[in-house]
Amino acid sequence: MRSIMLQNLNWVFKSQVIKFIKRFFKDPYRNEDRKWIKKLANENNINIKVKLKILSKLL
């Protein structure tokens, strides 16, 4: 039962990560969103692509 719940949680989490990638890195989303995420990453010294790769390996 627990493994089924974890699999469902992973699936839901993966779908949210995909939505995040689409919103901030793919068309046709707003250019303002892309600018905002790039500014946030620069100000906090975050490499979003590296973080997403690490996260993908954990899921």
N, C-alpha and C. Protein backbone atom coordinates (compact mmCIF):
# COMPACT_ATOMS: atom_id res chain seq x y z
N MET A 1 0.82 -1.19 0.00
CA MET A 1 0.00 0.00 0.00
C MET A 1 0.86 1.26 0.00
N ARG A 2 1.89 1.27 0.85
CA ARG A 2 2.77 2.43 0.95
C ARG A 2 3.50 2.69 -0.37
N SER A 3 3.95 1.63 -1.04
CA SER A 3 4.66 1.82 -2.30
C SER A 3 3.75 2.39 -3.38
N ILE A 4 2.48 2.01 -3.35
CA ILE A 4 1.52 2.57 -4.31
C ILE A 4 1.34 4.06 -4.05
N MET A 5 1.27 4.43 -2.79
CA MET A 5 1.11 5.85 -2.44
C MET A 5 2.35 6.63 -2.87
N LEU A 6 3.53 6.07 -2.66
CA LEU A 6 4.76 6.75 -3.07
C LEU A 6 4.85 6.87 -4.59
N GLN A 7 4.42 5.84 -5.30
CA GLN A 7 4.42 5.91 -6.76
C GLN A 7 3.48 6.99 -7.24
N ASN A 8 2.32 7.09 -6.63
CA ASN A 8 1.37 8.13 -7.00
C ASN A 8 1.93 9.51 -6.68
N LEU A 9 2.58 9.64 -5.54
CA LEU A 9 3.18 10.91 -5.16
C LEU A 9 4.28 11.29 -6.15
N ASN A 10 5.11 10.33 -6.53
CA ASN A 10 6.16 10.60 -7.52
C ASN A 10 5.56 11.05 -8.84
N TRP A 11 4.48 10.39 -9.27
CA TRP A 11 3.84 10.76 -10.52
C TRP A 11 3.30 12.18 -10.45
N VAL A 12 2.64 12.53 -9.36
CA VAL A 12 2.09 13.88 -9.18
C VAL A 12 3.22 14.89 -9.16
N PHE A 13 4.28 14.58 -8.45
CA PHE A 13 5.41 15.49 -8.35
C PHE A 13 6.07 15.68 -9.72
N LYS A 14 6.23 14.59 -10.46
CA LYS A 14 6.81 14.67 -11.80
C LYS A 14 5.96 15.56 -12.70
N SER A 15 4.65 15.43 -12.60
CA SER A 15 3.79 16.25 -13.45
C SER A 15 3.93 17.74 -13.09
N GLN A 16 4.15 18.04 -11.81
CA GLN A 16 4.35 19.43 -11.41
C GLN A 16 5.69 19.97 -11.90
N VAL A 17 6.70 19.12 -11.90
CA VAL A 17 8.01 19.53 -12.43
C VAL A 17 7.89 19.82 -13.93
N ILE A 18 7.15 19.00 -14.64
CA ILE A 18 6.95 19.22 -16.07
C ILE A 18 6.24 20.55 -16.31
N LYS A 19 5.23 20.84 -15.50
CA LYS A 19 4.53 22.12 -15.62
C LYS A 19 5.48 23.29 -15.36
N PHE A 20 6.35 23.14 -14.37
CA PHE A 20 7.33 24.18 -14.05
C PHE A 20 8.25 24.43 -15.25
N ILE A 21 8.76 23.36 -15.83
CA ILE A 21 9.66 23.48 -16.98
C ILE A 21 8.94 24.16 -18.15
N LYS A 22 7.72 23.73 -18.40
CA LYS A 22 6.97 24.34 -19.50
C LYS A 22 6.73 25.83 -19.25
N ARG A 23 6.40 26.17 -18.01
CA ARG A 23 6.08 27.57 -17.72
C ARG A 23 7.28 28.49 -17.85
N PHE A 24 8.44 28.05 -17.38
CA PHE A 24 9.58 28.94 -17.32
C PHE A 24 10.61 28.75 -18.42
N PHE A 25 10.51 27.66 -19.19
CA PHE A 25 11.54 27.42 -20.19
C PHE A 25 11.03 27.11 -21.58
N LYS A 26 9.74 26.97 -21.76
CA LYS A 26 9.21 26.62 -23.08
C LYS A 26 8.21 27.66 -23.55
N ASP A 27 8.00 27.71 -24.86
CA ASP A 27 6.95 28.55 -25.43
C ASP A 27 5.62 27.84 -25.25
N PRO A 28 4.54 28.48 -25.21
CA PRO A 28 4.21 29.87 -25.49
C PRO A 28 4.04 30.73 -24.24
N TYR A 29 4.65 30.35 -23.13
CA TYR A 29 4.44 31.10 -21.90
C TYR A 29 5.05 32.48 -21.97
N ARG A 30 4.67 33.31 -21.02
CA ARG A 30 5.03 34.72 -21.03
C ARG A 30 6.53 34.94 -20.81
N ASN A 31 7.06 35.88 -21.54
CA ASN A 31 8.46 36.24 -21.41
C ASN A 31 8.76 36.78 -20.01
N GLU A 32 7.77 37.43 -19.38
CA GLU A 32 7.96 37.96 -18.03
C GLU A 32 8.27 36.84 -17.04
N ASP A 33 7.62 35.69 -17.22
CA ASP A 33 7.89 34.56 -16.33
C ASP A 33 9.33 34.08 -16.47
N ARG A 34 9.78 34.02 -17.70
CA ARG A 34 11.17 33.58 -17.93
C ARG A 34 12.17 34.56 -17.34
N LYS A 35 11.90 35.85 -17.53
CA LYS A 35 12.79 36.86 -16.96
C LYS A 35 12.82 36.77 -15.44
N TRP A 36 11.63 36.57 -14.85
CA TRP A 36 11.54 36.49 -13.40
C TRP A 36 12.35 35.32 -12.85
N ILE A 37 12.21 34.14 -13.45
CA ILE A 37 12.90 32.96 -12.93
C ILE A 37 14.41 33.09 -13.14
N LYS A 38 14.83 33.68 -14.25
CA LYS A 38 16.26 33.88 -14.47
C LYS A 38 16.84 34.86 -13.46
N LYS A 39 16.10 35.91 -13.17
CA LYS A 39 16.56 36.89 -12.18
C LYS A 39 16.65 36.24 -10.79
N LEU A 40 15.64 35.49 -10.43
CA LEU A 40 15.63 34.80 -9.14
C LEU A 40 16.83 33.85 -9.03
N ALA A 41 17.07 33.10 -10.07
CA ALA A 41 18.19 32.15 -10.07
C ALA A 41 19.53 32.88 -9.97
N ASN A 42 19.69 33.97 -10.71
CA ASN A 42 20.94 34.73 -10.66
C ASN A 42 21.17 35.34 -9.29
N GLU A 43 20.13 35.92 -8.72
CA GLU A 43 20.26 36.57 -7.41
C GLU A 43 20.60 35.58 -6.30
N ASN A 44 20.19 34.34 -6.47
CA ASN A 44 20.40 33.33 -5.44
C ASN A 44 21.45 32.29 -5.83
N ASN A 45 22.16 32.57 -6.93
CA ASN A 45 23.23 31.70 -7.40
C ASN A 45 22.74 30.24 -7.55
N ILE A 46 21.65 30.08 -8.28
CA ILE A 46 21.04 28.77 -8.49
C ILE A 46 21.11 28.43 -9.98
N ASN A 47 21.58 27.24 -10.27
CA ASN A 47 21.54 26.74 -11.64
C ASN A 47 20.33 25.81 -11.72
N ILE A 48 19.25 26.33 -12.25
CA ILE A 48 17.99 25.61 -12.25
C ILE A 48 18.08 24.30 -13.04
N LYS A 49 18.76 24.31 -14.16
CA LYS A 49 18.86 23.09 -14.96
C LYS A 49 19.57 21.98 -14.20
N VAL A 50 20.62 22.33 -13.47
CA VAL A 50 21.33 21.33 -12.66
C VAL A 50 20.42 20.80 -11.56
N LYS A 51 19.71 21.71 -10.90
CA LYS A 51 18.80 21.31 -9.82
C LYS A 51 17.71 20.38 -10.35
N LEU A 52 17.17 20.69 -11.52
CA LEU A 52 16.13 19.84 -12.10
C LEU A 52 16.66 18.46 -12.48
N LYS A 53 17.91 18.40 -12.95
CA LYS A 53 18.51 17.09 -13.27
C LYS A 53 18.66 16.24 -12.01
N ILE A 54 19.11 16.87 -10.93
CA ILE A 54 19.25 16.16 -9.66
C ILE A 54 17.88 15.67 -9.19
N LEU A 55 16.91 16.54 -9.25
CA LEU A 55 15.56 16.17 -8.84
C LEU A 55 15.01 15.01 -9.67
N SER A 56 15.25 15.05 -10.97
CA SER A 56 14.77 13.99 -11.86
C SER A 56 15.35 12.63 -11.48
N LYS A 57 16.60 12.63 -11.07
CA LYS A 57 17.25 11.37 -10.67
C LYS A 57 16.64 10.82 -9.39
N LEU A 58 16.14 11.70 -8.55
CA LEU A 58 15.54 11.27 -7.28
C LEU A 58 14.12 10.74 -7.45
N LEU A 59 13.48 11.11 -8.54
CA LEU A 59 12.09 10.69 -8.73
C LEU A 59 11.98 9.36 -9.41
